[in-house]
Each structure stands twice: as C-alpha cells, then as structure tokens.
Amino acid sequence: MIAIGGYDLSAADFKGTIPGIIATVIAVCLVTGLFSFVPTVNTTTWLIGVLTPMAIILTIAVSLSGVCWLIIAGIFALLERTTYHARH
C-alpha cells in the first residue's frame, strides 16, 4: 500500500527499526539456545504442533492480502485509465 500511495519510508523510519531488529535477533538466539538443551524428539514434536497451524494461518493471510492487493491495484488501474481518457 505504501508503493501505491506514492510515499516512501524515510531514513528515520529505517533507523527506527534498528532496535527492533536487534531485539528480534537476540530473542531468536536465546530461544534457539534454550531449545538446544531440550531433548530433540519432544522439541520437534512441539514445534511441529505449534508451527503447522501458524503456517496455515499465515498462508491464508498472505493469500487474502495478495487478492486484496490485486483487486485494489486493478481498481486504481481502471480509474487511472478512465481518468486519462476523460482528460484526453
């Protein structure tokens, strides 16, 4: 939507993401380190049980987002074509 709206993120916006990226990397490293001490079979079973529904939900969300984007982009293209022909 940012690309369609005609505005981009500023350098300050990107700079503001640095603390979040650092926190995410630290959290992933800590969780991965903790899981390395847990027996493999239980951890794998638990991760599959938790991540499979999450992957399904995220796939549905991405699919719906893509469909909405295609619809909105199509509407904007149609409006732009109609407006262009009305002016010329």
PDB file of N, CA and C in Angstrom:
ATOM      1  N   MET A   1       0.828  -1.194   0.000  1.00  0.00           N
ATOM      2  CA  MET A   1       0.000   0.000   0.000  1.00  0.00           C
ATOM      3  C   MET A   1       0.871   1.257   0.000  1.00  0.00           C
ATOM      4  N   ILE A   2       2.064   1.156   0.570  1.00  0.00           N
ATOM      5  CA  ILE A   2       2.949   2.315   0.566  1.00  0.00           C
ATOM      6  C   ILE A   2       3.335   2.672  -0.862  1.00  0.00           C
ATOM      7  N   ALA A   3       3.630   1.653  -1.676  1.00  0.00           N
ATOM      8  CA  ALA A   3       4.034   1.914  -3.053  1.00  0.00           C
ATOM      9  C   ALA A   3       2.885   2.513  -3.855  1.00  0.00           C
ATOM     10  N   ILE A   4       1.666   2.024  -3.635  1.00  0.00           N
ATOM     11  CA  ILE A   4       0.512   2.539  -4.378  1.00  0.00           C
ATOM     12  C   ILE A   4       0.184   3.955  -3.911  1.00  0.00           C
ATOM     13  N   GLY A   5       0.354   4.226  -2.615  1.00  0.00           N
ATOM     14  CA  GLY A   5       0.009   5.533  -2.070  1.00  0.00           C
ATOM     15  C   GLY A   5       0.942   6.638  -2.498  1.00  0.00           C
ATOM     16  N   GLY A   6       2.126   6.295  -2.993  1.00  0.00           N
ATOM     17  CA  GLY A   6       3.020   7.310  -3.517  1.00  0.00           C
ATOM     18  C   GLY A   6       3.964   7.910  -2.492  1.00  0.00           C
ATOM     19  N   TYR A   7       4.159   7.274  -1.356  1.00  0.00           N
ATOM     20  CA  TYR A   7       5.131   7.793  -0.414  1.00  0.00           C
ATOM     21  C   TYR A   7       6.053   6.656   0.023  1.00  0.00           C
ATOM     22  N   ASP A   8       7.261   7.011   0.390  1.00  0.00           N
ATOM     23  CA  ASP A   8       8.256   6.026   0.796  1.00  0.00           C
ATOM     24  C   ASP A   8       8.652   6.260   2.244  1.00  0.00           C
ATOM     25  N   LEU A   9       9.252   5.235   2.829  1.00  0.00           N
ATOM     26  CA  LEU A   9       9.750   5.378   4.186  1.00  0.00           C
ATOM     27  C   LEU A   9      11.011   6.225   4.188  1.00  0.00           C
ATOM     28  N   SER A  10      11.147   7.040   5.215  1.00  0.00           N
ATOM     29  CA  SER A  10      12.310   7.921   5.310  1.00  0.00           C
ATOM     30  C   SER A  10      13.475   7.184   5.966  1.00  0.00           C
ATOM     31  N   ALA A  11      14.622   7.824   5.942  1.00  0.00           N
ATOM     32  CA  ALA A  11      15.808   7.264   6.595  1.00  0.00           C
ATOM     33  C   ALA A  11      15.559   7.123   8.093  1.00  0.00           C
ATOM     34  N   ALA A  12      14.810   8.055   8.675  1.00  0.00           N
ATOM     35  CA  ALA A  12      14.489   7.981  10.101  1.00  0.00           C
ATOM     36  C   ALA A  12      13.610   6.767  10.401  1.00  0.00           C
ATOM     37  N   ASP A  13      12.699   6.429   9.483  1.00  0.00           N
ATOM     38  CA  ASP A  13      11.862   5.244   9.660  1.00  0.00           C
ATOM     39  C   ASP A  13      12.714   3.985   9.693  1.00  0.00           C
ATOM     40  N   PHE A  14      13.645   3.888   8.741  1.00  0.00           N
ATOM     41  CA  PHE A  14      14.526   2.726   8.719  1.00  0.00           C
ATOM     42  C   PHE A  14      15.434   2.691   9.938  1.00  0.00           C
ATOM     43  N   LYS A  15      15.909   3.865  10.357  1.00  0.00           N
ATOM     44  CA  LYS A  15      16.770   3.941  11.537  1.00  0.00           C
ATOM     45  C   LYS A  15      15.994   3.498  12.785  1.00  0.00           C
ATOM     46  N   GLY A  16      14.701   3.782  12.822  1.00  0.00           N
ATOM     47  CA  GLY A  16      13.876   3.397  13.960  1.00  0.00           C
ATOM     48  C   GLY A  16      13.649   1.896  14.071  1.00  0.00           C
ATOM     49  N   THR A  17      13.884   1.166  12.986  1.00  0.00           N
ATOM     50  CA  THR A  17      13.703  -0.285  13.030  1.00  0.00           C
ATOM     51  C   THR A  17      14.900  -1.011  13.636  1.00  0.00           C
ATOM     52  N   ILE A  18      16.033  -0.342  13.770  1.00  0.00           N
ATOM     53  CA  ILE A  18      17.249  -1.000  14.258  1.00  0.00           C
ATOM     54  C   ILE A  18      17.072  -1.614  15.644  1.00  0.00           C
ATOM     55  N   PRO A  19      16.494  -0.919  16.630  1.00  0.00           N
ATOM     56  CA  PRO A  19      16.305  -1.568  17.936  1.00  0.00           C
ATOM     57  C   PRO A  19      15.421  -2.816  17.858  1.00  0.00           C
ATOM     58  N   GLY A  20      14.414  -2.784  17.025  1.00  0.00           N
ATOM     59  CA  GLY A  20      13.544  -3.944  16.871  1.00  0.00           C
ATOM     60  C   GLY A  20      14.268  -5.121  16.234  1.00  0.00           C
ATOM     61  N   ILE A  21      15.109  -4.831  15.253  1.00  0.00           N
ATOM     62  CA  ILE A  21      15.874  -5.893  14.611  1.00  0.00           C
ATOM     63  C   ILE A  21      16.851  -6.510  15.599  1.00  0.00           C
ATOM     64  N   ILE A  22      17.516  -5.672  16.379  1.00  0.00           N
ATOM     65  CA  ILE A  22      18.467  -6.179  17.377  1.00  0.00           C
ATOM     66  C   ILE A  22      17.742  -7.036  18.411  1.00  0.00           C
ATOM     67  N   ALA A  23      16.603  -6.566  18.897  1.00  0.00           N
ATOM     68  CA  ALA A  23      15.838  -7.339  19.885  1.00  0.00           C
ATOM     69  C   ALA A  23      15.363  -8.664  19.303  1.00  0.00           C
ATOM     70  N   THR A  24      14.956  -8.654  18.047  1.00  0.00           N
ATOM     71  CA  THR A  24      14.494  -9.887  17.402  1.00  0.00           C
ATOM     72  C   THR A  24      15.631 -10.889  17.265  1.00  0.00           C
ATOM     73  N   VAL A  25      16.795 -10.431  16.844  1.00  0.00           N
ATOM     74  CA  VAL A  25      17.949 -11.321  16.698  1.00  0.00           C
ATOM     75  C   VAL A  25      18.337 -11.912  18.052  1.00  0.00           C
ATOM     76  N   ILE A  26      18.339 -11.095  19.095  1.00  0.00           N
ATOM     77  CA  ILE A  26      18.678 -11.584  20.436  1.00  0.00           C
ATOM     78  C   ILE A  26      17.649 -12.611  20.897  1.00  0.00           C
ATOM     79  N   ALA A  27      16.367 -12.328  20.691  1.00  0.00           N
ATOM     80  CA  ALA A  27      15.311 -13.255  21.114  1.00  0.00           C
ATOM     81  C   ALA A  27      15.416 -14.584  20.373  1.00  0.00           C
ATOM     82  N   VAL A  28      15.660 -14.527  19.070  1.00  0.00           N
ATOM     83  CA  VAL A  28      15.788 -15.762  18.296  1.00  0.00           C
ATOM     84  C   VAL A  28      16.996 -16.567  18.761  1.00  0.00           C
ATOM     85  N   CYS A  29      18.102 -15.892  19.022  1.00  0.00           N
ATOM     86  CA  CYS A  29      19.299 -16.586  19.506  1.00  0.00           C
ATOM     87  C   CYS A  29      19.062 -17.220  20.875  1.00  0.00           C
ATOM     88  N   LEU A  30      18.389 -16.505  21.770  1.00  0.00           N
ATOM     89  CA  LEU A  30      18.110 -17.056  23.096  1.00  0.00           C
ATOM     90  C   LEU A  30      17.169 -18.256  23.026  1.00  0.00           C
ATOM     91  N   VAL A  31      16.106 -18.134  22.271  1.00  0.00           N
ATOM     92  CA  VAL A  31      15.148 -19.240  22.154  1.00  0.00           C
ATOM     93  C   VAL A  31      15.817 -20.448  21.509  1.00  0.00           C
ATOM     94  N   THR A  32      16.609 -20.204  20.472  1.00  0.00           N
ATOM     95  CA  THR A  32      17.323 -21.307  19.817  1.00  0.00           C
ATOM     96  C   THR A  32      18.300 -21.964  20.778  1.00  0.00           C
ATOM     97  N   GLY A  33      18.986 -21.151  21.559  1.00  0.00           N
ATOM     98  CA  GLY A  33      19.914 -21.699  22.552  1.00  0.00           C
ATOM     99  C   GLY A  33      19.199 -22.526  23.607  1.00  0.00           C
ATOM    100  N   LEU A  34      18.044 -22.049  24.065  1.00  0.00           N
ATOM    101  CA  LEU A  34      17.282 -22.808  25.060  1.00  0.00           C
ATOM    102  C   LEU A  34      16.775 -24.126  24.489  1.00  0.00           C
ATOM    103  N   PHE A  35      16.306 -24.111  23.242  1.00  0.00           N
ATOM    104  CA  PHE A  35      15.818 -25.339  22.631  1.00  0.00           C
ATOM    105  C   PHE A  35      16.933 -26.351  22.395  1.00  0.00           C
ATOM    106  N   SER A  36      18.164 -25.884  22.312  1.00  0.00           N
ATOM    107  CA  SER A  36      19.261 -26.823  22.084  1.00  0.00           C
ATOM    108  C   SER A  36      19.516 -27.704  23.308  1.00  0.00           C
ATOM    109  N   PHE A  37      19.037 -27.292  24.486  1.00  0.00           N
ATOM    110  CA  PHE A  37      19.214 -28.088  25.700  1.00  0.00           C
ATOM    111  C   PHE A  37      18.048 -29.018  25.983  1.00  0.00           C
ATOM    112  N   VAL A  38      16.965 -28.904  25.222  1.00  0.00           N
ATOM    113  CA  VAL A  38      15.778 -29.728  25.416  1.00  0.00           C
ATOM    114  C   VAL A  38      15.909 -30.961  24.523  1.00  0.00           C
ATOM    115  N   PRO A  39      15.440 -32.123  24.974  1.00  0.00           N
ATOM    116  CA  PRO A  39      15.519 -33.311  24.126  1.00  0.00           C
ATOM    117  C   PRO A  39      14.884 -33.082  22.755  1.00  0.00           C
ATOM    118  N   THR A  40      15.527 -33.579  21.720  1.00  0.00           N
ATOM    119  CA  THR A  40      15.159 -33.285  20.339  1.00  0.00           C
ATOM    120  C   THR A  40      13.761 -33.763  19.972  1.00  0.00           C
ATOM    121  N   VAL A  41      13.372 -34.954  20.368  1.00  0.00           N
ATOM    122  CA  VAL A  41      12.087 -35.514  19.950  1.00  0.00           C
ATOM    123  C   VAL A  41      10.929 -34.667  20.474  1.00  0.00           C
ATOM    124  N   ASN A  42      10.968 -34.319  21.738  1.00  0.00           N
ATOM    125  CA  ASN A  42       9.886 -33.514  22.321  1.00  0.00           C
ATOM    126  C   ASN A  42       9.831 -32.120  21.701  1.00  0.00           C
ATOM    127  N   THR A  43      10.977 -31.532  21.504  1.00  0.00           N
ATOM    128  CA  THR A  43      11.026 -30.188  20.929  1.00  0.00           C
ATOM    129  C   THR A  43      10.499 -30.193  19.506  1.00  0.00           C
ATOM    130  N   THR A  44      10.923 -31.166  18.716  1.00  0.00           N
ATOM    131  CA  THR A  44      10.479 -31.237  17.329  1.00  0.00           C
ATOM    132  C   THR A  44       8.973 -31.442  17.251  1.00  0.00           C
ATOM    133  N   THR A  45       8.455 -32.338  18.061  1.00  0.00           N
ATOM    134  CA  THR A  45       7.018 -32.593  18.080  1.00  0.00           C
ATOM    135  C   THR A  45       6.250 -31.350  18.488  1.00  0.00           C
ATOM    136  N   TRP A  46       6.737 -30.671  19.497  1.00  0.00           N
ATOM    137  CA  TRP A  46       6.071 -29.458  19.967  1.00  0.00           C
ATOM    138  C   TRP A  46       6.111 -28.368  18.896  1.00  0.00           C
ATOM    139  N   LEU A  47       7.277 -28.179  18.268  1.00  0.00           N
ATOM    140  CA  LEU A  47       7.399 -27.148  17.237  1.00  0.00           C
ATOM    141  C   LEU A  47       6.487 -27.436  16.051  1.00  0.00           C
ATOM    142  N   ILE A  48       6.416 -28.693  15.630  1.00  0.00           N
ATOM    143  CA  ILE A  48       5.531 -29.043  14.521  1.00  0.00           C
ATOM    144  C   ILE A  48       4.080 -28.791  14.905  1.00  0.00           C
ATOM    145  N   GLY A  49       3.723 -29.146  16.129  1.00  0.00           N
ATOM    146  CA  GLY A  49       2.351 -28.932  16.589  1.00  0.00           C
ATOM    147  C   GLY A  49       1.975 -27.469  16.660  1.00  0.00           C
ATOM    148  N   VAL A  50       2.918 -26.616  17.017  1.00  0.00           N
ATOM    149  CA  VAL A  50       2.647 -25.184  17.146  1.00  0.00           C
ATOM    150  C   VAL A  50       2.765 -24.473  15.795  1.00  0.00           C
ATOM    151  N   LEU A  51       3.790 -24.810  15.035  1.00  0.00           N
ATOM    152  CA  LEU A  51       4.079 -24.055  13.819  1.00  0.00           C
ATOM    153  C   LEU A  51       3.207 -24.444  12.627  1.00  0.00           C
ATOM    154  N   THR A  52       2.676 -25.658  12.599  1.00  0.00           N
ATOM    155  CA  THR A  52       1.839 -26.045  11.472  1.00  0.00           C
ATOM    156  C   THR A  52       0.565 -25.204  11.393  1.00  0.00           C
ATOM    157  N   PRO A  53      -0.213 -25.071  12.470  1.00  0.00           N
ATOM    158  CA  PRO A  53      -1.392 -24.183  12.375  1.00  0.00           C
ATOM    159  C   PRO A  53      -1.006 -22.736  12.089  1.00  0.00           C
ATOM    160  N   MET A  54       0.117 -22.287  12.660  1.00  0.00           N
ATOM    161  CA  MET A  54       0.559 -20.914  12.425  1.00  0.00           C
ATOM    162  C   MET A  54       0.915 -20.719  10.956  1.00  0.00           C
ATOM    163  N   ALA A  55       1.577 -21.697  10.349  1.00  0.00           N
ATOM    164  CA  ALA A  55       1.930 -21.603   8.930  1.00  0.00           C
ATOM    165  C   ALA A  55       0.681 -21.586   8.064  1.00  0.00           C
ATOM    166  N   ILE A  56      -0.317 -22.370   8.426  1.00  0.00           N
ATOM    167  CA  ILE A  56      -1.566 -22.384   7.667  1.00  0.00           C
ATOM    168  C   ILE A  56      -2.262 -21.026   7.766  1.00  0.00           C
ATOM    169  N   ILE A  57      -2.341 -20.488   8.964  1.00  0.00           N
ATOM    170  CA  ILE A  57      -2.979 -19.186   9.167  1.00  0.00           C
ATOM    171  C   ILE A  57      -2.234 -18.095   8.407  1.00  0.00           C
ATOM    172  N   LEU A  58      -0.909 -18.096   8.467  1.00  0.00           N
ATOM    173  CA  LEU A  58      -0.133 -17.077   7.753  1.00  0.00           C
ATOM    174  C   LEU A  58      -0.260 -17.222   6.245  1.00  0.00           C
ATOM    175  N   THR A  59      -0.348 -18.449   5.756  1.00  0.00           N
ATOM    176  CA  THR A  59      -0.550 -18.662   4.325  1.00  0.00           C
ATOM    177  C   THR A  59      -1.887 -18.095   3.878  1.00  0.00           C
ATOM    178  N   ILE A  60      -2.925 -18.319   4.664  1.00  0.00           N
ATOM    179  CA  ILE A  60      -4.235 -17.766   4.347  1.00  0.00           C
ATOM    180  C   ILE A  60      -4.188 -16.233   4.380  1.00  0.00           C
ATOM    181  N   ALA A  61      -3.519 -15.671   5.383  1.00  0.00           N
ATOM    182  CA  ALA A  61      -3.429 -14.213   5.496  1.00  0.00           C
ATOM    183  C   ALA A  61      -2.684 -13.613   4.309  1.00  0.00           C
ATOM    184  N   VAL A  62      -1.581 -14.232   3.907  1.00  0.00           N
ATOM    185  CA  VAL A  62      -0.825 -13.725   2.757  1.00  0.00           C
ATOM    186  C   VAL A  62      -1.650 -13.848   1.478  1.00  0.00           C
ATOM    187  N   SER A  63      -2.360 -14.953   1.333  1.00  0.00           N
ATOM    188  CA  SER A  63      -3.201 -15.137   0.148  1.00  0.00           C
ATOM    189  C   SER A  63      -4.296 -14.073   0.074  1.00  0.00           C
ATOM    190  N   LEU A  64      -4.980 -13.840   1.187  1.00  0.00           N
ATOM    191  CA  LEU A  64      -6.027 -12.812   1.209  1.00  0.00           C
ATOM    192  C   LEU A  64      -5.451 -11.426   0.955  1.00  0.00           C
ATOM    193  N   SER A  65      -4.285 -11.151   1.520  1.00  0.00           N
ATOM    194  CA  SER A  65      -3.642  -9.865   1.294  1.00  0.00           C
ATOM    195  C   SER A  65      -3.292  -9.690  -0.181  1.00  0.00           C
ATOM    196  N   GLY A  66      -2.785 -10.752  -0.801  1.00  0.00           N
ATOM    197  CA  GLY A  66      -2.459 -10.689  -2.221  1.00  0.00           C
ATOM    198  C   GLY A  66      -3.684 -10.462  -3.086  1.00  0.00           C
ATOM    199  N   VAL A  67      -4.776 -11.146  -2.774  1.00  0.00           N
ATOM    200  CA  VAL A  67      -6.017 -10.967  -3.529  1.00  0.00           C
ATOM    201  C   VAL A  67      -6.527  -9.537  -3.361  1.00  0.00           C
ATOM    202  N   CYS A  68      -6.510  -9.031  -2.142  1.00  0.00           N
ATOM    203  CA  CYS A  68      -6.955  -7.642  -1.908  1.00  0.00           C
ATOM    204  C   CYS A  68      -6.077  -6.661  -2.661  1.00  0.00           C
ATOM    205  N   TRP A  69      -4.767  -6.908  -2.661  1.00  0.00           N
ATOM    206  CA  TRP A  69      -3.852  -6.018  -3.379  1.00  0.00           C
ATOM    207  C   TRP A  69      -4.159  -6.033  -4.870  1.00  0.00           C
ATOM    208  N   LEU A  70      -4.387  -7.224  -5.423  1.00  0.00           N
ATOM    209  CA  LEU A  70      -4.711  -7.308  -6.852  1.00  0.00           C
ATOM    210  C   LEU A  70      -6.007  -6.574  -7.178  1.00  0.00           C
ATOM    211  N   ILE A  71      -7.000  -6.702  -6.313  1.00  0.00           N
ATOM    212  CA  ILE A  71      -8.276  -6.011  -6.535  1.00  0.00           C
ATOM    213  C   ILE A  71      -8.074  -4.503  -6.475  1.00  0.00           C
ATOM    214  N   ILE A  72      -7.385  -4.026  -5.470  1.00  0.00           N
ATOM    215  CA  ILE A  72      -7.166  -2.583  -5.310  1.00  0.00           C
ATOM    216  C   ILE A  72      -6.315  -2.046  -6.453  1.00  0.00           C
ATOM    217  N   ALA A  73      -5.258  -2.771  -6.831  1.00  0.00           N
ATOM    218  CA  ALA A  73      -4.416  -2.323  -7.943  1.00  0.00           C
ATOM    219  C   ALA A  73      -5.224  -2.290  -9.233  1.00  0.00           C
ATOM    220  N   GLY A  74      -6.112  -3.266  -9.424  1.00  0.00           N
ATOM    221  CA  GLY A  74      -6.964  -3.272 -10.607  1.00  0.00           C
ATOM    222  C   GLY A  74      -7.922  -2.102 -10.631  1.00  0.00           C
ATOM    223  N   ILE A  75      -8.486  -1.781  -9.474  1.00  0.00           N
ATOM    224  CA  ILE A  75      -9.408  -0.640  -9.389  1.00  0.00           C
ATOM    225  C   ILE A  75      -8.659   0.654  -9.703  1.00  0.00           C
ATOM    226  N   PHE A  76      -7.445   0.810  -9.122  1.00  0.00           N
ATOM    227  CA  PHE A  76      -6.663   2.015  -9.402  1.00  0.00           C
ATOM    228  C   PHE A  76      -6.282   2.102 -10.876  1.00  0.00           C
ATOM    229  N   ALA A  77      -5.923   0.973 -11.476  1.00  0.00           N
ATOM    230  CA  ALA A  77      -5.571   0.972 -12.900  1.00  0.00           C
ATOM    231  C   ALA A  77      -6.786   1.351 -13.746  1.00  0.00           C
ATOM    232  N   LEU A  78      -7.940   0.824 -13.388  1.00  0.00           N
ATOM    233  CA  LEU A  78      -9.160   1.153 -14.117  1.00  0.00           C
ATOM    234  C   LEU A  78      -9.505   2.627 -13.970  1.00  0.00           C
ATOM    235  N   LEU A  79      -9.392   3.149 -12.757  1.00  0.00           N
ATOM    236  CA  LEU A  79      -9.677   4.570 -12.529  1.00  0.00           C
ATOM    237  C   LEU A  79      -8.687   5.454 -13.269  1.00  0.00           C
ATOM    238  N   GLU A  80      -7.422   5.056 -13.278  1.00  0.00           N
ATOM    239  CA  GLU A  80      -6.408   5.847 -13.968  1.00  0.00           C
ATOM    240  C   GLU A  80      -6.671   5.846 -15.474  1.00  0.00           C
ATOM    241  N   ARG A  81      -7.028   4.697 -16.010  1.00  0.00           N
ATOM    242  CA  ARG A  81      -7.314   4.604 -17.445  1.00  0.00           C
ATOM    243  C   ARG A  81      -8.549   5.440 -17.785  1.00  0.00           C
ATOM    244  N   THR A  82      -9.589   5.391 -16.943  1.00  0.00           N
ATOM    245  CA  THR A  82     -10.813   6.155 -17.178  1.00  0.00           C
ATOM    246  C   THR A  82     -10.535   7.648 -17.077  1.00  0.00           C
ATOM    247  N   THR A  83      -9.766   8.051 -16.082  1.00  0.00           N
ATOM    248  CA  THR A  83      -9.433   9.467 -15.904  1.00  0.00           C
ATOM    249  C   THR A  83      -8.577   9.964 -17.064  1.00  0.00           C
ATOM    250  N   TYR A  84      -7.636   9.136 -17.525  1.00  0.00           N
ATOM    251  CA  TYR A  84      -6.769   9.539 -18.635  1.00  0.00           C
ATOM    252  C   TYR A  84      -7.587   9.753 -19.900  1.00  0.00           C
ATOM    253  N   HIS A  85      -8.506   8.854 -20.197  1.00  0.00           N
ATOM    254  CA  HIS A  85      -9.328   9.000 -21.403  1.00  0.00           C
ATOM    255  C   HIS A  85     -10.280  10.191 -21.289  1.00  0.00           C
ATOM    256  N   ALA A  86     -10.713  10.509 -20.091  1.00  0.00           N
ATOM    257  CA  ALA A  86     -11.622  11.649 -19.914  1.00  0.00           C
ATOM    258  C   ALA A  86     -10.879  12.967 -20.140  1.00  0.00           C
ATOM    259  N   ARG A  87      -9.589  13.012 -19.811  1.00  0.00           N
ATOM    260  CA  ARG A  87      -8.804  14.242 -19.976  1.00  0.00           C
ATOM    261  C   ARG A  87      -8.324  14.414 -21.406  1.00  0.00           C
ATOM    262  N   HIS A  88      -8.126  13.325 -22.128  1.00  0.00           N
ATOM    263  CA  HIS A  88      -7.533  13.430 -23.471  1.00  0.00           C
ATOM    264  C   HIS A  88      -8.518  13.047 -24.469  1.00  0.00           C
TER     265      HIS A  88
END
